[in-house]
C-alpha atoms as a PDB file:
ATOM      1  CA  MET A   1      45.673 -32.229 126.006  1.00  0.00           C
ATOM      2  CA  GLY A   2      44.524 -32.402 122.541  1.00  0.00           C
ATOM      3  CA  ARG A   3      41.490 -30.161 122.860  1.00  0.00           C
ATOM      4  CA  GLY A   4      42.946 -27.378 120.763  1.00  0.00           C
ATOM      5  CA  ARG A   5      42.655 -28.933 117.426  1.00  0.00           C
ATOM      6  CA  ALA A   6      39.166 -30.003 118.062  1.00  0.00           C
ATOM      7  CA  LYS A   7      38.145 -26.662 119.308  1.00  0.00           C
ATOM      8  CA  ALA A   8      39.966 -25.131 116.086  1.00  0.00           C
ATOM      9  CA  LYS A   9      37.628 -27.731 114.085  1.00  0.00           C
ATOM     10  CA  GLN A  10      34.293 -26.480 115.814  1.00  0.00           C
ATOM     11  CA  THR A  11      35.536 -22.820 115.477  1.00  0.00           C
ATOM     12  CA  LYS A  12      36.164 -23.263 111.828  1.00  0.00           C
ATOM     13  CA  VAL A  13      33.022 -25.138 110.862  1.00  0.00           C
ATOM     14  CA  ALA A  14      31.025 -22.664 113.048  1.00  0.00           C
ATOM     15  CA  ARG A  15      32.471 -19.614 111.295  1.00  0.00           C
ATOM     16  CA  GLU A  16      31.538 -21.234 107.840  1.00  0.00           C
ATOM     17  CA  LEU A  17      28.195 -21.956 108.883  1.00  0.00           C
ATOM     18  CA  LYS A  18      27.750 -18.530 109.924  1.00  0.00           C
ATOM     19  CA  TYR A  19      29.242 -16.526 107.340  1.00  0.00           C
ATOM     20  CA  SER A  20      28.494 -18.876 104.122  1.00  0.00           C
ATOM     21  CA  SER A  21      25.160 -18.170 102.317  1.00  0.00           C
ATOM     22  CA  PRO A  22      23.979 -21.529 100.757  1.00  0.00           C
ATOM     23  CA  ALA A  23      22.227 -21.650  97.241  1.00  0.00           C
ATOM     24  CA  THR A  24      18.703 -21.204  97.556  1.00  0.00           C
ATOM     25  CA  ASP A  25      16.812 -22.816  95.019  1.00  0.00           C
ATOM     26  CA  LEU A  26      13.889 -20.410  94.276  1.00  0.00           C
ATOM     27  CA  ALA A  27      12.537 -22.574  91.747  1.00  0.00           C
ATOM     28  CA  ALA A  28      11.741 -25.338  94.254  1.00  0.00           C
ATOM     29  CA  LEU A  29      10.347 -22.542  96.733  1.00  0.00           C
ATOM     30  CA  GLN A  30       7.935 -21.516  94.356  1.00  0.00           C
ATOM     31  CA  ARG A  31       6.598 -24.752  93.576  1.00  0.00           C
ATOM     32  CA  GLU A  32       6.259 -25.443  97.061  1.00  0.00           C
ATOM     33  CA  LEU A  33       4.538 -22.300  97.884  1.00  0.00           C
ATOM     34  CA  SER A  34       2.183 -22.654  94.679  1.00  0.00           C
ATOM     35  CA  SER A  35       1.372 -26.249  95.567  1.00  0.00           C
ATOM     36  CA  ASP A  36      -0.522 -24.822  98.373  1.00  0.00           C
ATOM     37  CA  ASN A  37      -4.181 -25.306  97.977  1.00  0.00           C
ATOM     38  CA  GLY A  38      -4.918 -22.547 100.393  1.00  0.00           C
ATOM     39  CA  ASP A  39      -6.166 -25.209 103.255  1.00  0.00           C
ATOM     40  CA  SER A  40      -3.295 -24.173 105.741  1.00  0.00           C
ATOM     41  CA  HIS A  41      -5.343 -25.654 108.505  1.00  0.00           C
ATOM     42  CA  HIS A  42      -5.422 -29.270 107.392  1.00  0.00           C
ATOM     43  CA  LEU A  43      -3.289 -31.314 109.674  1.00  0.00           C
ATOM     44  CA  GLY A  44      -3.011 -34.491 106.844  1.00  0.00           C
ATOM     45  CA  ASP A  45      -4.886 -36.799 109.016  1.00  0.00           C
ATOM     46  CA  GLY A  46      -8.287 -35.811 108.232  1.00  0.00           C
ATOM     47  CA  THR A  47      -8.348 -33.625 111.493  1.00  0.00           C
ATOM     48  CA  ASP A  48      -9.091 -29.846 111.033  1.00  0.00           C
ATOM     49  CA  GLU A  49      -6.448 -27.801 113.093  1.00  0.00           C
ATOM     50  CA  THR A  50      -8.859 -25.268 114.064  1.00  0.00           C
ATOM     51  CA  ALA A  51     -11.322 -28.236 115.990  1.00  0.00           C
ATOM     52  CA  VAL A  52      -8.003 -29.110 117.352  1.00  0.00           C
ATOM     53  CA  ASP A  53      -7.453 -25.738 118.707  1.00  0.00           C
ATOM     54  CA  ASP A  54     -10.967 -24.907 119.963  1.00  0.00           C
ATOM     55  CA  ALA A  55     -10.695 -28.259 121.852  1.00  0.00           C
ATOM     56  CA  VAL A  56      -7.703 -27.044 123.531  1.00  0.00           C
ATOM     57  CA  ILE A  57      -9.123 -23.853 124.427  1.00  0.00           C
ATOM     58  CA  ASP A  58     -12.395 -25.571 125.704  1.00  0.00           C
ATOM     59  CA  GLU A  59     -10.174 -27.847 127.782  1.00  0.00           C
ATOM     60  CA  TYR A  60      -7.823 -25.526 129.276  1.00  0.00           C
ATOM     61  CA  GLY A  61      -9.666 -22.302 128.904  1.00  0.00           C
ATOM     62  CA  GLU A  62      -9.936 -21.659 132.752  1.00  0.00           C
ATOM     63  CA  TYR A  63      -6.393 -21.037 132.842  1.00  0.00           C
ATOM     64  CA  ARG A  64      -6.249 -18.106 130.618  1.00  0.00           C
ATOM     65  CA  ARG A  65      -5.346 -14.551 132.182  1.00  0.00           C
END
Protein backbone atom coordinates (compact mmCIF):
# COMPACT_ATOMS: atom_id res chain seq x y z
CA MET A 1 0.00 0.00 0.00
CA GLY A 2 1.08 3.59 -0.52
CA ARG A 3 2.72 2.87 -3.85
CA GLY A 4 0.14 4.92 -5.75
CA ARG A 5 1.38 8.32 -4.57
CA ALA A 6 5.02 7.47 -5.16
CA LYS A 7 4.29 6.18 -8.65
CA ALA A 8 2.20 9.24 -9.46
CA LYS A 9 5.05 11.49 -8.34
CA GLN A 10 7.58 9.54 -10.45
CA THR A 11 5.26 9.73 -13.45
CA LYS A 12 4.84 13.48 -12.97
CA VAL A 13 8.59 14.06 -12.72
CA ALA A 14 9.29 11.84 -15.73
CA ARG A 15 6.68 13.65 -17.79
CA GLU A 16 8.15 17.04 -16.83
CA LEU A 17 11.63 15.89 -17.83
CA LYS A 18 10.42 14.44 -21.10
CA TYR A 19 8.36 17.37 -22.29
CA SER A 20 10.20 20.35 -20.83
CA SER A 21 12.98 22.02 -22.72
CA PRO A 22 15.48 23.67 -20.39
CA ALA A 23 16.88 27.04 -21.35
CA THR A 24 20.17 26.66 -23.20
CA ASP A 25 22.86 29.21 -22.49
CA LEU A 26 24.08 29.69 -26.04
CA ALA A 27 26.65 32.29 -25.04
CA ALA A 28 28.30 29.84 -22.63
CA LEU A 29 28.25 27.14 -25.30
CA GLN A 30 29.89 29.51 -27.78
CA ARG A 31 32.59 30.40 -25.23
CA GLU A 32 33.25 26.74 -24.52
CA LEU A 33 33.50 25.83 -28.20
CA SER A 34 35.63 28.84 -29.11
CA SER A 35 38.06 28.22 -26.23
CA ASP A 36 39.08 24.91 -27.82
CA ASN A 37 42.58 25.41 -29.14
CA GLY A 38 42.26 22.68 -31.74
CA ASP A 39 44.13 20.05 -29.73
CA SER A 40 41.22 17.68 -29.26
CA HIS A 41 43.49 14.67 -28.72
CA HIS A 42 45.15 16.04 -25.60
CA LEU A 43 44.13 14.18 -22.43
CA GLY A 44 45.24 16.86 -19.95
CA ASP A 45 47.92 14.82 -18.24
CA GLY A 46 50.52 15.27 -20.96
CA THR A 47 49.45 12.07 -22.73
CA ASP A 48 48.47 12.19 -26.36
CA GLU A 49 45.23 10.28 -26.99
CA THR A 50 46.49 8.92 -30.31
CA ALA A 51 49.53 7.43 -28.58
CA VAL A 52 47.25 5.67 -26.12
CA ASP A 53 45.08 4.39 -28.97
CA ASP A 54 48.14 3.10 -30.82
CA ALA A 55 49.33 1.26 -27.72
CA VAL A 56 45.94 -0.39 -27.28
CA ILE A 57 45.82 -1.37 -30.95
CA ASP A 58 49.33 -2.85 -30.69
CA GLU A 59 48.37 -4.81 -27.58
CA TYR A 60 44.97 -6.04 -28.75
CA GLY A 61 45.44 -5.92 -32.53
CA GLU A 62 45.39 -9.72 -32.81
CA TYR A 63 41.78 -9.80 -31.61
CA ARG A 64 40.45 -7.68 -34.47
CA ARG A 65 38.39 -9.35 -37.12
